[in-house]
Amino acid sequence: ACDPLTPNAIRLRDCDFRCVDGFFGRSDLRVCTNCTNYHILKATPTPPRAFFPPSGAAGFQCLADDWLCPSGFTKSLNATPPGCCPDALPDTRAVVTPTATSTCGFKCLELYYWDPASK
């Protein structure tokens, strides 16, 4: 006999299930929930300031790199490490350098350094 079907799921063969559109989960987690809670349950690491939206546009898959950034920051998978890059820096210790994608498009002035973890 199968365990009771989790809410927001459709039963498949052999007691397995899939989540209905807009919900995400895995059979080992035994849950179908929104994307935010799904990644909390999975303990998915995110960059500083990043967050997972509860849902997305049609076809949204809630993958590990589907995180978003708050206002004032732009998501960059090219930064090292990937993360939420500031749209502007609050001081003059760096210059805008669009080709410097690994440092969010900024280049630090002499005697200053880029902190890749904090961005």
Foldseek 3Di string as FASTA:
>chain_A
DADDQEPQWDADPPNFIAGHPQWDDGVVLRYTFFLQVRCVSVVQDAAPQWGADRGDDPPDDSDSQNIAHDPQWHFAVQAVNTHTHGPDDPDDQWDAACVPRNQPRIDGDPPDDGDSRVD
